Amino acid sequence: MEASPKQQELQKGKIEQLEKQQEQDKRKIELFEKQQTAIISKK
């Protein structure tokens, strides 16, 4: 079963969205870790 160009475009779009989501999650984690470090260093 050959995927149509439209399906391939959709697939590509989904993958790009997933990658963006992962990038955002990574940034959230980094921010969270920085906050944790700041809290710990205040003590």
Protein backbone atom coordinates (compact mmCIF):
# COMPACT_ATOMS: atom_id res chain seq x y z
CA MET A 1 0.00 0.00 0.00
CA GLU A 2 1.65 3.18 -1.23
CA ALA A 3 1.00 6.33 0.78
CA SER A 4 -0.36 9.23 -1.23
CA PRO A 5 1.57 12.52 -1.23
CA LYS A 6 -1.21 14.02 0.90
CA GLN A 7 -0.83 11.25 3.48
CA GLN A 8 2.94 11.70 3.48
CA GLU A 9 2.45 15.45 4.10
CA LEU A 10 0.10 14.70 7.01
CA GLN A 11 2.59 12.21 8.44
CA LYS A 12 5.39 14.78 8.14
CA GLY A 13 3.23 17.39 9.86
CA LYS A 14 2.47 15.00 12.73
CA ILE A 15 6.16 14.22 13.19
CA GLU A 16 7.05 17.92 13.17
CA GLN A 17 4.37 18.61 15.80
CA LEU A 18 5.73 15.80 17.96
CA GLU A 19 9.25 17.19 17.68
CA LYS A 20 8.03 20.68 18.64
CA GLN A 21 6.18 19.17 21.61
CA GLN A 22 9.34 17.38 22.72
CA GLU A 23 11.35 20.61 22.41
CA GLN A 24 8.80 22.42 24.59
CA ASP A 25 8.80 19.60 27.15
CA LYS A 26 12.60 19.74 27.26
CA ARG A 27 12.51 23.48 27.91
CA LYS A 28 9.90 23.05 30.64
CA ILE A 29 12.06 20.43 32.33
CA GLU A 30 15.15 22.66 32.08
CA LEU A 31 13.23 25.59 33.58
CA PHE A 32 11.90 23.37 36.34
CA GLU A 33 15.39 22.10 37.14
CA LYS A 34 16.72 25.68 37.25
CA GLN A 35 13.93 26.63 39.67
CA GLN A 36 14.69 23.60 41.84
CA THR A 37 18.36 24.49 41.88
CA ALA A 38 17.53 28.09 42.81
CA ILE A 39 15.28 26.92 45.65
CA ILE A 40 17.94 24.53 46.95
CA SER A 41 20.71 27.13 46.78
CA LYS A 42 18.58 29.61 48.77
CA LYS A 43 18.51 27.31 51.79
